[in-house]
Amino acid sequence: MAPTRNPQFDKAHIEAKLKAWFGLERVLWLKHGDLLGDDTDGHIDTVARFCDASTIAYQACDDAKDAHYEDLKAMEAELQALRQANGEPYKLVPLPLPTAIFDETGKRLPAGYPNFLIMNGAVLVPTYGVETDAEALRRLVPCFPGREVIGVDCRTLIHQYGSLHCVTMQIPSAAA
């Protein structure tokens, strides 16, 4: 929970509201997983996503020299500790961390692969014109049988601190 988001509510209150609004039985929480440059206070869609009820794809980092390493390793441990309602662990699919992308001022942008968009017949996955793009797509293909996994160049979007899932979440009221 970020102190800047709904600070008047505690965790129990937020869980109760989510359960009531969406008919949930459980709410899973992660304390780690912030990406540098993220201006959303850690929206989950930037670091970990359900592919199906038992599979979670997540932003991993294997480079101990990268600034994300410790926090993403801590998130990975949290994900490994989570259990499905039946007590089984989730199938976890680590996605490679894209090569660092910076804005014109030198600020690192929150590039990651979990910000994909699931739609009828396809999954659109953000790509950034870096060597890890192909590996991320390869790892996601088995997670979505019956859907085509398609990379979409999101270099322009990431410079505005978002990606595919982010830009498809809201429809302005004027468009209704």
Protein backbone atom coordinates (compact mmCIF):
# COMPACT_ATOMS: atom_id res chain seq x y z
CA MET A 1 0.00 0.00 0.00
CA ALA A 2 1.37 3.38 -0.97
CA PRO A 3 0.84 6.16 1.58
CA THR A 4 -0.23 8.48 -1.25
CA ARG A 5 -3.14 6.25 -2.36
CA ASN A 6 -6.26 6.17 -0.18
CA PRO A 7 -4.36 7.04 3.01
CA GLN A 8 -7.62 7.26 4.96
CA PHE A 9 -8.19 3.50 4.55
CA ASP A 10 -6.28 0.65 6.13
CA LYS A 11 -5.57 -2.66 4.43
CA ALA A 12 -8.59 -4.41 5.98
CA HIS A 13 -10.95 -1.67 4.76
CA ILE A 14 -9.53 -1.79 1.23
CA GLU A 15 -9.80 -5.59 1.15
CA ALA A 16 -13.42 -5.47 2.33
CA LYS A 17 -14.32 -2.93 -0.36
CA LEU A 18 -12.59 -4.93 -3.12
CA LYS A 19 -14.33 -8.11 -2.02
CA ALA A 20 -17.73 -6.40 -1.95
CA TRP A 21 -17.34 -4.54 -5.25
CA PHE A 22 -15.86 -7.40 -7.28
CA GLY A 23 -17.16 -10.51 -5.50
CA LEU A 24 -13.66 -11.57 -4.50
CA GLU A 25 -12.91 -14.26 -1.96
CA ARG A 26 -9.25 -13.31 -1.46
CA VAL A 27 -6.93 -10.36 -2.09
CA LEU A 28 -3.23 -10.97 -2.65
CA TRP A 29 -0.78 -8.26 -1.61
CA LEU A 30 2.81 -7.56 -2.66
CA LYS A 31 5.08 -5.19 -0.74
CA HIS A 32 7.82 -5.07 -3.37
CA GLY A 33 8.11 -4.54 -7.10
CA ASP A 34 8.34 -0.83 -7.82
CA LEU A 35 9.99 0.12 -11.11
CA LEU A 36 12.12 3.24 -11.28
CA GLY A 37 10.30 6.04 -13.04
CA ASP A 38 6.87 4.63 -12.19
CA ASP A 39 4.56 7.53 -11.44
CA THR A 40 1.64 5.34 -10.30
CA ASP A 41 2.88 4.42 -6.82
CA GLY A 42 3.31 0.82 -7.94
CA HIS A 43 0.31 -0.27 -9.98
CA ILE A 44 0.43 -4.06 -10.09
CA ASP A 45 0.04 -4.19 -13.88
CA THR A 46 3.62 -2.98 -14.27
CA VAL A 47 5.18 -5.88 -12.34
CA ALA A 48 2.94 -8.97 -12.00
CA ARG A 49 -0.08 -10.22 -13.93
CA PHE A 50 -2.32 -13.24 -13.90
CA CYS A 51 -2.25 -15.14 -17.20
CA ASP A 52 -4.89 -17.56 -15.94
CA ALA A 53 -6.18 -18.52 -12.50
CA SER A 54 -3.00 -20.39 -11.59
CA THR A 55 -0.25 -18.61 -13.57
CA ILE A 56 1.43 -15.30 -12.79
CA ALA A 57 3.90 -13.62 -15.17
CA TYR A 58 6.14 -11.17 -13.37
CA GLN A 59 8.94 -8.72 -13.98
CA ALA A 60 12.17 -10.38 -12.95
CA CYS A 61 15.72 -9.06 -12.74
CA ASP A 62 18.79 -11.30 -12.80
CA ASP A 63 21.43 -8.56 -13.01
CA ALA A 64 22.72 -7.93 -9.48
CA LYS A 65 24.15 -4.60 -10.68
CA ASP A 66 20.75 -3.28 -11.80
CA ALA A 67 19.00 -0.85 -9.43
CA HIS A 68 15.86 -3.04 -9.59
CA TYR A 69 17.58 -6.25 -8.54
CA GLU A 70 16.94 -6.33 -4.78
CA ASP A 71 13.34 -5.12 -4.92
CA LEU A 72 12.36 -7.45 -7.77
CA LYS A 73 14.07 -10.40 -6.04
CA ALA A 74 12.07 -9.57 -2.89
CA MET A 75 8.88 -9.49 -4.98
CA GLU A 76 9.83 -12.82 -6.55
CA ALA A 77 10.13 -14.34 -3.06
CA GLU A 78 6.71 -12.91 -2.15
CA LEU A 79 5.21 -14.46 -5.29
CA GLN A 80 6.82 -17.82 -4.48
CA ALA A 81 5.21 -17.72 -1.03
CA LEU A 82 1.70 -17.04 -2.36
CA ARG A 83 -0.72 -19.94 -2.57
CA GLN A 84 -3.85 -20.49 -4.59
CA ALA A 85 -7.11 -21.00 -2.69
CA ASN A 86 -6.50 -24.77 -2.91
CA GLY A 87 -3.09 -24.40 -1.22
CA GLU A 88 -1.06 -25.05 -4.36
CA PRO A 89 1.68 -22.62 -5.38
CA TYR A 90 1.15 -20.48 -8.45
CA LYS A 91 3.01 -21.26 -11.65
CA LEU A 92 5.40 -18.33 -11.97
CA VAL A 93 6.74 -17.06 -15.28
CA PRO A 94 9.68 -14.65 -14.89
CA LEU A 95 9.97 -12.08 -17.65
CA PRO A 96 13.37 -10.55 -18.41
CA LEU A 97 13.90 -6.93 -17.45
CA PRO A 98 14.25 -4.78 -20.57
CA THR A 99 17.51 -2.95 -21.07
CA ALA A 100 17.23 0.34 -19.21
CA ILE A 101 15.49 3.12 -21.13
CA PHE A 102 16.00 6.74 -20.08
CA ASP A 103 14.22 9.98 -20.90
CA GLU A 104 15.99 13.07 -22.23
CA THR A 105 16.87 14.18 -18.67
CA GLY A 106 18.47 10.84 -17.78
CA LYS A 107 15.55 9.57 -15.67
CA ARG A 108 14.98 5.83 -15.97
CA LEU A 109 11.60 4.94 -17.43
CA PRO A 110 9.41 2.11 -16.03
CA ALA A 111 9.81 -0.29 -18.97
CA GLY A 112 8.55 -3.80 -18.31
CA TYR A 113 6.75 -6.65 -20.02
CA PRO A 114 3.86 -7.45 -17.61
CA ASN A 115 1.89 -4.44 -18.86
CA PHE A 116 0.39 -6.64 -21.58
CA LEU A 117 -3.18 -6.48 -22.86
CA ILE A 118 -5.25 -9.68 -23.02
CA MET A 119 -7.93 -9.59 -25.68
CA ASN A 120 -10.00 -11.97 -27.78
CA GLY A 121 -7.59 -14.15 -29.74
CA ALA A 122 -4.44 -12.23 -28.83
CA VAL A 123 -2.19 -10.83 -26.15
CA LEU A 124 -0.45 -7.57 -26.99
CA VAL A 125 2.90 -7.30 -25.20
CA PRO A 126 4.92 -4.11 -24.87
CA THR A 127 8.31 -4.20 -26.59
CA TYR A 128 11.05 -1.60 -26.53
CA GLY A 129 13.40 -2.37 -29.42
CA VAL A 130 15.84 -4.17 -27.10
CA GLU A 131 17.30 -7.68 -27.13
CA THR A 132 15.09 -8.97 -24.29
CA ASP A 133 11.90 -8.36 -26.29
CA ALA A 134 12.04 -11.72 -28.11
CA GLU A 135 12.66 -13.69 -24.91
CA ALA A 136 9.74 -12.03 -23.12
CA LEU A 137 7.43 -12.91 -26.00
CA ARG A 138 8.75 -16.48 -26.08
CA ARG A 139 8.08 -16.95 -22.36
CA LEU A 140 4.52 -15.62 -22.64
CA VAL A 141 3.42 -17.79 -25.59
CA PRO A 142 2.76 -20.95 -23.50
CA CYS A 143 0.82 -18.87 -20.95
CA PHE A 144 -1.88 -18.04 -23.48
CA PRO A 145 -2.89 -21.12 -25.48
CA GLY A 146 -5.29 -20.22 -28.26
CA ARG A 147 -4.13 -16.61 -28.36
CA GLU A 148 -1.48 -15.05 -30.56
CA VAL A 149 1.20 -13.23 -28.55
CA ILE A 150 2.08 -10.04 -30.42
CA GLY A 151 4.81 -7.55 -29.55
CA VAL A 152 3.88 -3.87 -29.88
CA ASP A 153 6.58 -1.19 -29.89
CA CYS A 154 5.89 0.91 -26.79
CA ARG A 155 8.89 3.23 -26.82
CA THR A 156 6.63 6.24 -27.33
CA LEU A 157 4.25 5.14 -24.56
CA ILE A 158 7.02 4.45 -22.03
CA HIS A 159 8.29 8.01 -22.50
CA GLN A 160 4.90 9.02 -21.13
CA TYR A 161 5.31 6.56 -18.21
CA GLY A 162 2.81 3.98 -19.41
CA SER A 163 2.32 1.03 -21.68
CA LEU A 164 -0.39 -1.07 -23.33
CA HIS A 165 -2.48 -2.09 -20.33
CA CYS A 166 -2.25 1.43 -18.91
CA VAL A 167 -3.52 3.19 -22.03
CA THR A 168 -6.48 0.86 -22.48
CA MET A 169 -7.91 1.11 -18.97
CA GLN A 170 -10.06 4.25 -19.13
CA ILE A 171 -12.44 5.73 -21.67
CA PRO A 172 -13.00 9.47 -21.21
CA SER A 173 -16.61 10.33 -20.43
CA ALA A 174 -16.73 12.58 -23.52
CA ALA A 175 -16.23 9.46 -25.65
CA ALA A 176 -19.27 7.70 -24.18
